[in-house]
Amino acid sequence: MEYVQRVSRIGPLTRSHWFDVLIAAVAIAAMVEVVVGQDRPGSGAPTTTLWFCLPAIAVLVSPTFVRRRFPFAAPTAYWLLALAISFVDWRVTTFPISLFLAGMSASFLLGNLRNSLQAGIGLGVSVGGSALVVSTIPGHSTPQMIFIPLQFAISWVAGFALRERSEQAEAAEMRAAIAERERDAAARIAVAEERARIARELHDIVAHAVSVMVLQVGAVRHRHAKELADDGDTLRSVELAGRTALTEMRRLLAAMREDGEDVELGPQPGLDTLDALVQHVEHAGLPVSIRVDGKPAPLPRALELSAYRIVQEGLTNALKHAHARSAEVTLRYEPDELTIRIEDDGIGTSSTDGLGHGLVGIRERVKIYGGRMSAGSANGGGFVLETRLPLTEAIT
């Protein structure tokens, strides 16, 4: 078990320190090259003692291991150390082929710097440092002075290009995160606005019902004052409580109404006014057909208003967002459920119409009555919105 846990920790450790492992391998390979080269006369290996060559190689690559803490100084130090070692023995830095990879890695790190000014200086350090190292070689040629620094410049360009790509990816990720937060905030605002709208409508309906109750209690109290003399005080208390509730409800409605929002003086719409809604939508350019399945039954006023709003929002989305040529509204009356299905032949719709309503508002209305909602593309094309509103809970 302990062996499995140790092996499982090797993977993440290797992924986070693979570059360090690579540099260590390069340093070891360079030391081996020097040791083997000195055993072969005429190989061009360093002539100084191994007690200088091997520590010099270790010191040369050591700044790379602290690149996370010193992203600019560490790769710059590599080239400064390479130049210093070359003045002592130029073969230490030029003979091991492995150190060529270390130099390219240092140039790559300089190009990968986030600070543009430091990256620009890093290009000069890579090109200038490599050129000075080449200049310490006796009898160096012009192509060497050109093409060797050019290779390190290409490494710098690779690091710079990777930095640009990573910055673009991070910027895109940040934009996506901001857009997601904005969508979440917009969705919460849409839900809050729709809930406030539903609450205002329900309060209007409840206020109307309470008004009727108060008027009926007052009429009974005045009409049968003699017969209900013993219950007169009770009826008067009921009437007073009802009028007080109406007053407080009007204040609540005023508090819920947004600034500049006019009071709705007309009656709330219902399913019996769908013809007027259809005419309005058709006048806007979307032909609509209505089909009724089952026997229409009287519905509670609040539920009927929500059903009307669902049809209204569904047709509005089909008109504004789906670019549909026609739409069909189906009302299916069942003993315990009212099904509303809105189908169009457009390209689909969005979750909001830009005013905080749309499918978000429909979902909130369905949730109030414990109903179900589905929305999506139809098999043959177009968009289908279907809601099921239970009638038993609404009636009881």
Foldseek 3Di string as FASTA:
>chain_A
DVVVVVVVVVVVVCVVCVVVVLLVVLLVQLLVQLVVQVVDPPSLHWPDDSVPLSVLSVVLLVLVVCCVVVLLVSLLVNLVSLLVVLVVPLRSQVVRPSNLVSLLVSLLSLLQDPDPVSSVVSLVSQLVSLLSSQVSDPPRDPVSSPVSSVSSSVSSVVSNVVNVVVVVVVVVVVVVVVVVVVVVVLLVVLLVVLVLVLVLVVLVVVLVVLVVVLVVLVVVCVVPVPVCVVCNVVSVVSNVVSVVVSVVSVVVSVVSDDPPDDDDPDDQDFPVCVVVLQVVLVVLQEHEEEEEADDDDDAPPSLRSLVSVVVNLLSVQCSPPFVFNYKYWYWYDDPWKTKIKIWTQGQFGDCDPVPSDHVSSNVSSLVVQPKDWDWDADPVHTIMIMIMGTRPVRVD
